Amino acid sequence: MGLEPRELNQEEAERFGVAPGWWAVDEIGTPVLGPHPSREGALIGIARSGRRDDDAPGNENTEQGNRNGPRT
């Protein structure tokens, strides 16, 4: 699982020590990129970050620089 957009309200933002708004959050809900003014902005931020679902830890079939699996 990669990053996903999520709107953090004032209370949630204070808990994480960040500004409220739309954030790209990681697998456990930690804000990683943001804040963004809208959900669409967060999605653009995620796309620009280059982080993909197969970048997640535990995907043993992915080598850095080669998204099609191990080299043979």
PDB file of N, CA and C in Angstrom:
ATOM      1  N   MET A   1       0.835  -1.172   0.000  1.00  0.00           N
ATOM      2  CA  MET A   1       0.000   0.000   0.000  1.00  0.00           C
ATOM      3  C   MET A   1       0.880   1.234   0.000  1.00  0.00           C
ATOM      4  N   GLY A   2       0.551   2.206  -0.803  1.00  0.00           N
ATOM      5  CA  GLY A   2       1.324   3.435  -0.873  1.00  0.00           C
ATOM      6  C   GLY A   2       0.667   4.554  -0.088  1.00  0.00           C
ATOM      7  N   LEU A   3       0.928   5.762  -0.513  1.00  0.00           N
ATOM      8  CA  LEU A   3       0.331   6.923   0.126  1.00  0.00           C
ATOM      9  C   LEU A   3      -1.109   7.101  -0.340  1.00  0.00           C
ATOM     10  N   GLU A   4      -1.925   7.687   0.526  1.00  0.00           N
ATOM     11  CA  GLU A   4      -3.301   7.995   0.154  1.00  0.00           C
ATOM     12  C   GLU A   4      -3.689   9.349   0.738  1.00  0.00           C
ATOM     13  N   PRO A   5      -4.622  10.068   0.081  1.00  0.00           N
ATOM     14  CA  PRO A   5      -5.031  11.380   0.574  1.00  0.00           C
ATOM     15  C   PRO A   5      -5.952  11.259   1.787  1.00  0.00           C
ATOM     16  N   ARG A   6      -5.777  12.185   2.722  1.00  0.00           N
ATOM     17  CA  ARG A   6      -6.638  12.216   3.904  1.00  0.00           C
ATOM     18  C   ARG A   6      -6.677  13.623   4.454  1.00  0.00           C
ATOM     19  N   GLU A   7      -7.864  14.069   4.819  1.00  0.00           N
ATOM     20  CA  GLU A   7      -8.004  15.404   5.399  1.00  0.00           C
ATOM     21  C   GLU A   7      -7.847  15.309   6.912  1.00  0.00           C
ATOM     22  N   LEU A   8      -6.891  16.084   7.444  1.00  0.00           N
ATOM     23  CA  LEU A   8      -6.675  16.122   8.885  1.00  0.00           C
ATOM     24  C   LEU A   8      -7.358  17.359   9.449  1.00  0.00           C
ATOM     25  N   ASN A   9      -8.254  17.159  10.417  1.00  0.00           N
ATOM     26  CA  ASN A   9      -8.888  18.299  11.069  1.00  0.00           C
ATOM     27  C   ASN A   9      -7.931  18.877  12.111  1.00  0.00           C
ATOM     28  N   GLN A  10      -8.349  19.926  12.779  1.00  0.00           N
ATOM     29  CA  GLN A  10      -7.478  20.611  13.735  1.00  0.00           C
ATOM     30  C   GLN A  10      -6.958  19.672  14.822  1.00  0.00           C
ATOM     31  N   GLU A  11      -7.845  18.856  15.368  1.00  0.00           N
ATOM     32  CA  GLU A  11      -7.456  17.942  16.448  1.00  0.00           C
ATOM     33  C   GLU A  11      -6.420  16.917  15.988  1.00  0.00           C
ATOM     34  N   GLU A  12      -6.671  16.299  14.828  1.00  0.00           N
ATOM     35  CA  GLU A  12      -5.723  15.311  14.301  1.00  0.00           C
ATOM     36  C   GLU A  12      -4.386  15.973  13.969  1.00  0.00           C
ATOM     37  N   ALA A  13      -4.451  17.155  13.368  1.00  0.00           N
ATOM     38  CA  ALA A  13      -3.230  17.865  13.003  1.00  0.00           C
ATOM     39  C   ALA A  13      -2.395  18.180  14.241  1.00  0.00           C
ATOM     40  N   GLU A  14      -3.048  18.634  15.303  1.00  0.00           N
ATOM     41  CA  GLU A  14      -2.316  18.928  16.542  1.00  0.00           C
ATOM     42  C   GLU A  14      -1.660  17.681  17.106  1.00  0.00           C
ATOM     43  N   ARG A  15      -2.350  16.550  17.007  1.00  0.00           N
ATOM     44  CA  ARG A  15      -1.790  15.286  17.509  1.00  0.00           C
ATOM     45  C   ARG A  15      -0.494  14.926  16.778  1.00  0.00           C
ATOM     46  N   PHE A  16      -0.453  15.218  15.470  1.00  0.00           N
ATOM     47  CA  PHE A  16       0.745  14.913  14.675  1.00  0.00           C
ATOM     48  C   PHE A  16       1.739  16.068  14.656  1.00  0.00           C
ATOM     49  N   GLY A  17       1.340  17.234  15.160  1.00  0.00           N
ATOM     50  CA  GLY A  17       2.229  18.391  15.147  1.00  0.00           C
ATOM     51  C   GLY A  17       2.371  19.009  13.767  1.00  0.00           C
ATOM     52  N   VAL A  18       1.291  18.963  12.975  1.00  0.00           N
ATOM     53  CA  VAL A  18       1.298  19.525  11.622  1.00  0.00           C
ATOM     54  C   VAL A  18       0.107  20.467  11.461  1.00  0.00           C
ATOM     55  N   ALA A  19       0.061  21.169  10.345  1.00  0.00           N
ATOM     56  CA  ALA A  19      -1.054  22.055  10.042  1.00  0.00           C
ATOM     57  C   ALA A  19      -2.236  21.241   9.516  1.00  0.00           C
ATOM     58  N   PRO A  20      -3.460  21.674   9.805  1.00  0.00           N
ATOM     59  CA  PRO A  20      -4.610  20.972   9.253  1.00  0.00           C
ATOM     60  C   PRO A  20      -4.694  21.141   7.736  1.00  0.00           C
ATOM     61  N   GLY A  21      -5.356  20.212   7.080  1.00  0.00           N
ATOM     62  CA  GLY A  21      -5.520  20.266   5.631  1.00  0.00           C
ATOM     63  C   GLY A  21      -5.444  18.869   5.056  1.00  0.00           C
ATOM     64  N   TRP A  22      -5.343  18.807   3.748  1.00  0.00           N
ATOM     65  CA  TRP A  22      -5.243  17.523   3.051  1.00  0.00           C
ATOM     66  C   TRP A  22      -3.783  17.081   3.026  1.00  0.00           C
ATOM     67  N   TRP A  23      -3.549  15.856   3.428  1.00  0.00           N
ATOM     68  CA  TRP A  23      -2.217  15.281   3.496  1.00  0.00           C
ATOM     69  C   TRP A  23      -2.162  13.967   2.736  1.00  0.00           C
ATOM     70  N   ALA A  24      -0.977  13.616   2.293  1.00  0.00           N
ATOM     71  CA  ALA A  24      -0.698  12.259   1.840  1.00  0.00           C
ATOM     72  C   ALA A  24      -0.230  11.519   3.085  1.00  0.00           C
ATOM     73  N   VAL A  25      -0.943  10.467   3.448  1.00  0.00           N
ATOM     74  CA  VAL A  25      -0.587   9.709   4.643  1.00  0.00           C
ATOM     75  C   VAL A  25      -0.064   8.338   4.242  1.00  0.00           C
ATOM     76  N   ASP A  26       0.806   7.797   5.082  1.00  0.00           N
ATOM     77  CA  ASP A  26       1.375   6.479   4.787  1.00  0.00           C
ATOM     78  C   ASP A  26       0.452   5.365   5.267  1.00  0.00           C
ATOM     79  N   GLU A  27       0.957   4.148   5.249  1.00  0.00           N
ATOM     80  CA  GLU A  27       0.172   2.960   5.548  1.00  0.00           C
ATOM     81  C   GLU A  27      -0.443   2.966   6.939  1.00  0.00           C
ATOM     82  N   ILE A  28       0.219   3.635   7.891  1.00  0.00           N
ATOM     83  CA  ILE A  28      -0.297   3.656   9.264  1.00  0.00           C
ATOM     84  C   ILE A  28      -0.976   4.974   9.611  1.00  0.00           C
ATOM     85  N   GLY A  29      -1.178   5.837   8.604  1.00  0.00           N
ATOM     86  CA  GLY A  29      -1.906   7.083   8.820  1.00  0.00           C
ATOM     87  C   GLY A  29      -1.064   8.280   9.200  1.00  0.00           C
ATOM     88  N   THR A  30       0.244   8.150   9.119  1.00  0.00           N
ATOM     89  CA  THR A  30       1.129   9.268   9.451  1.00  0.00           C
ATOM     90  C   THR A  30       1.219  10.233   8.273  1.00  0.00           C
ATOM     91  N   PRO A  31       0.995  11.538   8.506  1.00  0.00           N
ATOM     92  CA  PRO A  31       1.115  12.512   7.423  1.00  0.00           C
ATOM     93  C   PRO A  31       2.549  12.573   6.901  1.00  0.00           C
ATOM     94  N   VAL A  32       2.689  12.508   5.577  1.00  0.00           N
ATOM     95  CA  VAL A  32       4.008  12.481   4.957  1.00  0.00           C
ATOM     96  C   VAL A  32       4.228  13.695   4.056  1.00  0.00           C
ATOM     97  N   LEU A  33       3.242  14.029   3.225  1.00  0.00           N
ATOM     98  CA  LEU A  33       3.360  15.156   2.300  1.00  0.00           C
ATOM     99  C   LEU A  33       2.170  16.087   2.476  1.00  0.00           C
ATOM    100  N   GLY A  34       2.417  17.366   2.654  1.00  0.00           N
ATOM    101  CA  GLY A  34       1.317  18.312   2.771  1.00  0.00           C
ATOM    102  C   GLY A  34       1.691  19.467   3.677  1.00  0.00           C
ATOM    103  N   PRO A  35       0.725  20.275   4.038  1.00  0.00           N
ATOM    104  CA  PRO A  35      -0.680  20.137   3.688  1.00  0.00           C
ATOM    105  C   PRO A  35      -0.962  20.651   2.277  1.00  0.00           C
ATOM    106  N   HIS A  36      -2.034  20.147   1.711  1.00  0.00           N
ATOM    107  CA  HIS A  36      -2.497  20.554   0.389  1.00  0.00           C
ATOM    108  C   HIS A  36      -3.874  21.190   0.553  1.00  0.00           C
ATOM    109  N   PRO A  37      -4.263  22.085  -0.353  1.00  0.00           N
ATOM    110  CA  PRO A  37      -5.542  22.777  -0.209  1.00  0.00           C
ATOM    111  C   PRO A  37      -6.767  21.926  -0.525  1.00  0.00           C
ATOM    112  N   SER A  38      -6.558  20.780  -1.167  1.00  0.00           N
ATOM    113  CA  SER A  38      -7.683  19.944  -1.577  1.00  0.00           C
ATOM    114  C   SER A  38      -7.240  18.489  -1.703  1.00  0.00           C
ATOM    115  N   ARG A  39      -8.232  17.612  -1.842  1.00  0.00           N
ATOM    116  CA  ARG A  39      -7.931  16.195  -2.071  1.00  0.00           C
ATOM    117  C   ARG A  39      -7.141  16.032  -3.363  1.00  0.00           C
ATOM    118  N   GLU A  40      -7.554  16.790  -4.375  1.00  0.00           N
ATOM    119  CA  GLU A  40      -6.867  16.723  -5.665  1.00  0.00           C
ATOM    120  C   GLU A  40      -5.400  17.156  -5.514  1.00  0.00           C
ATOM    121  N   GLY A  41      -5.171  18.183  -4.713  1.00  0.00           N
ATOM    122  CA  GLY A  41      -3.801  18.625  -4.474  1.00  0.00           C
ATOM    123  C   GLY A  41      -2.965  17.543  -3.808  1.00  0.00           C
ATOM    124  N   ALA A  42      -3.576  16.830  -2.858  1.00  0.00           N
ATOM    125  CA  ALA A  42      -2.862  15.734  -2.198  1.00  0.00           C
ATOM    126  C   ALA A  42      -2.550  14.619  -3.192  1.00  0.00           C
ATOM    127  N   LEU A  43      -3.512  14.321  -4.094  1.00  0.00           N
ATOM    128  CA  LEU A  43      -3.271  13.291  -5.108  1.00  0.00           C
ATOM    129  C   LEU A  43      -2.138  13.695  -6.044  1.00  0.00           C
ATOM    130  N   ILE A  44      -2.084  14.967  -6.410  1.00  0.00           N
ATOM    131  CA  ILE A  44      -0.990  15.454  -7.257  1.00  0.00           C
ATOM    132  C   ILE A  44       0.329  15.330  -6.512  1.00  0.00           C
ATOM    133  N   GLY A  45       0.337  15.688  -5.239  1.00  0.00           N
ATOM    134  CA  GLY A  45       1.555  15.545  -4.433  1.00  0.00           C
ATOM    135  C   GLY A  45       2.032  14.109  -4.362  1.00  0.00           C
ATOM    136  N   ILE A  46       1.094  13.185  -4.227  1.00  0.00           N
ATOM    137  CA  ILE A  46       1.445  11.760  -4.194  1.00  0.00           C
ATOM    138  C   ILE A  46       2.043  11.345  -5.529  1.00  0.00           C
ATOM    139  N   ALA A  47       1.409  11.760  -6.621  1.00  0.00           N
ATOM    140  CA  ALA A  47       1.915  11.398  -7.947  1.00  0.00           C
ATOM    141  C   ALA A  47       3.307  11.969  -8.179  1.00  0.00           C
ATOM    142  N   ARG A  48       3.521  13.205  -7.768  1.00  0.00           N
ATOM    143  CA  ARG A  48       4.835  13.842  -7.958  1.00  0.00           C
ATOM    144  C   ARG A  48       5.911  13.244  -7.073  1.00  0.00           C
ATOM    145  N   SER A  49       5.510  12.637  -5.966  1.00  0.00           N
ATOM    146  CA  SER A  49       6.502  12.055  -5.057  1.00  0.00           C
ATOM    147  C   SER A  49       7.159  10.830  -5.668  1.00  0.00           C
ATOM    148  N   GLY A  50       6.458  10.197  -6.617  1.00  0.00           N
ATOM    149  CA  GLY A  50       7.009   9.003  -7.253  1.00  0.00           C
ATOM    150  C   GLY A  50       6.845   7.748  -6.423  1.00  0.00           C
ATOM    151  N   ARG A  51       6.235   7.862  -5.264  1.00  0.00           N
ATOM    152  CA  ARG A  51       6.053   6.679  -4.420  1.00  0.00           C
ATOM    153  C   ARG A  51       4.926   5.834  -4.973  1.00  0.00           C
ATOM    154  N   ARG A  52       5.195   4.552  -5.145  1.00  0.00           N
ATOM    155  CA  ARG A  52       4.224   3.628  -5.728  1.00  0.00           C
ATOM    156  C   ARG A  52       3.919   2.526  -4.741  1.00  0.00           C
ATOM    157  N   ASP A  53       2.830   1.809  -4.997  1.00  0.00           N
ATOM    158  CA  ASP A  53       2.449   0.711  -4.114  1.00  0.00           C
ATOM    159  C   ASP A  53       3.547  -0.332  -3.994  1.00  0.00           C
ATOM    160  N   ASP A  54       4.298  -0.566  -5.081  1.00  0.00           N
ATOM    161  CA  ASP A  54       5.337  -1.592  -5.006  1.00  0.00           C
ATOM    162  C   ASP A  54       6.606  -1.096  -4.319  1.00  0.00           C
ATOM    163  N   ASP A  55       6.603   0.155  -3.827  1.00  0.00           N
ATOM    164  CA  ASP A  55       7.715   0.661  -3.025  1.00  0.00           C
ATOM    165  C   ASP A  55       7.565   0.266  -1.561  1.00  0.00           C
ATOM    166  N   ALA A  56       6.431  -0.320  -1.210  1.00  0.00           N
ATOM    167  CA  ALA A  56       6.164  -0.665   0.178  1.00  0.00           C
ATOM    168  C   ALA A  56       7.122  -1.742   0.656  1.00  0.00           C
ATOM    169  N   PRO A  57       7.507  -1.677   1.938  1.00  0.00           N
ATOM    170  CA  PRO A  57       8.369  -2.726   2.484  1.00  0.00           C
ATOM    171  C   PRO A  57       7.706  -4.086   2.364  1.00  0.00           C
ATOM    172  N   GLY A  58       8.512  -5.106   2.168  1.00  0.00           N
ATOM    173  CA  GLY A  58       7.990  -6.454   2.093  1.00  0.00           C
ATOM    174  C   GLY A  58       7.732  -6.938   0.690  1.00  0.00           C
ATOM    175  N   ASN A  59       7.936  -6.086  -0.306  1.00  0.00           N
ATOM    176  CA  ASN A  59       7.757  -6.523  -1.687  1.00  0.00           C
ATOM    177  C   ASN A  59       9.115  -6.986  -2.200  1.00  0.00           C
ATOM    178  N   GLU A  60       9.381  -8.263  -2.028  1.00  0.00           N
ATOM    179  CA  GLU A  60      10.692  -8.813  -2.354  1.00  0.00           C
ATOM    180  C   GLU A  60      10.939  -8.927  -3.850  1.00  0.00           C
ATOM    181  N   ASN A  61       9.910  -8.798  -4.690  1.00  0.00           N
ATOM    182  CA  ASN A  61      10.082  -8.948  -6.122  1.00  0.00           C
ATOM    183  C   ASN A  61      10.477  -7.658  -6.818  1.00  0.00           C
ATOM    184  N   THR A  62      10.728  -6.612  -6.078  1.00  0.00           N
ATOM    185  CA  THR A  62      11.063  -5.328  -6.679  1.00  0.00           C
ATOM    186  C   THR A  62      12.499  -4.965  -6.338  1.00  0.00           C
ATOM    187  N   GLU A  63      13.301  -4.747  -7.372  1.00  0.00           N
ATOM    188  CA  GLU A  63      14.651  -4.243  -7.167  1.00  0.00           C
ATOM    189  C   GLU A  63      14.642  -2.763  -7.465  1.00  0.00           C
ATOM    190  N   GLN A  64      15.448  -2.008  -6.730  1.00  0.00           N
ATOM    191  CA  GLN A  64      15.523  -0.574  -6.968  1.00  0.00           C
ATOM    192  C   GLN A  64      15.957  -0.336  -8.427  1.00  0.00           C
ATOM    193  N   GLY A  65      15.199   0.509  -9.106  1.00  0.00           N
ATOM    194  CA  GLY A  65      15.525   0.816 -10.484  1.00  0.00           C
ATOM    195  C   GLY A  65      14.919  -0.142 -11.487  1.00  0.00           C
ATOM    196  N   ASN A  66      14.320  -1.225 -11.034  1.00  0.00           N
ATOM    197  CA  ASN A  66      13.717  -2.194 -11.939  1.00  0.00           C
ATOM    198  C   ASN A  66      12.365  -2.601 -11.389  1.00  0.00           C
ATOM    199  N   ARG A  67      11.286  -2.027 -11.910  1.00  0.00           N
ATOM    200  CA  ARG A  67       9.946  -2.258 -11.397  1.00  0.00           C
ATOM    201  C   ARG A  67       9.320  -3.535 -11.940  1.00  0.00           C
ATOM    202  N   ASN A  68      10.024  -4.262 -12.806  1.00  0.00           N
ATOM    203  CA  ASN A  68       9.464  -5.467 -13.400  1.00  0.00           C
ATOM    204  C   ASN A  68       9.916  -6.736 -12.710  1.00  0.00           C
ATOM    205  N   GLY A  69      10.588  -6.601 -11.591  1.00  0.00           N
ATOM    206  CA  GLY A  69      11.029  -7.787 -10.856  1.00  0.00           C
ATOM    207  C   GLY A  69      12.537  -7.966 -10.967  1.00  0.00           C
ATOM    208  N   PRO A  70      13.026  -9.052 -10.440  1.00  0.00           N
ATOM    209  CA  PRO A  70      14.481  -9.283 -10.413  1.00  0.00           C
ATOM    210  C   PRO A  70      15.067  -9.420 -11.815  1.00  0.00           C
ATOM    211  N   ARG A  71      16.285  -8.978 -11.942  1.00  0.00           N
ATOM    212  CA  ARG A  71      16.991  -9.135 -13.224  1.00  0.00           C
ATOM    213  C   ARG A  71      17.430 -10.570 -13.388  1.00  0.00           C
ATOM    214  N   THR A  72      17.443 -11.034 -14.604  1.00  0.00           N
ATOM    215  CA  THR A  72      17.875 -12.418 -14.850  1.00  0.00           C
ATOM    216  C   THR A  72      19.046 -12.432 -15.789  1.00  0.00           C
TER     217      THR A  72
END
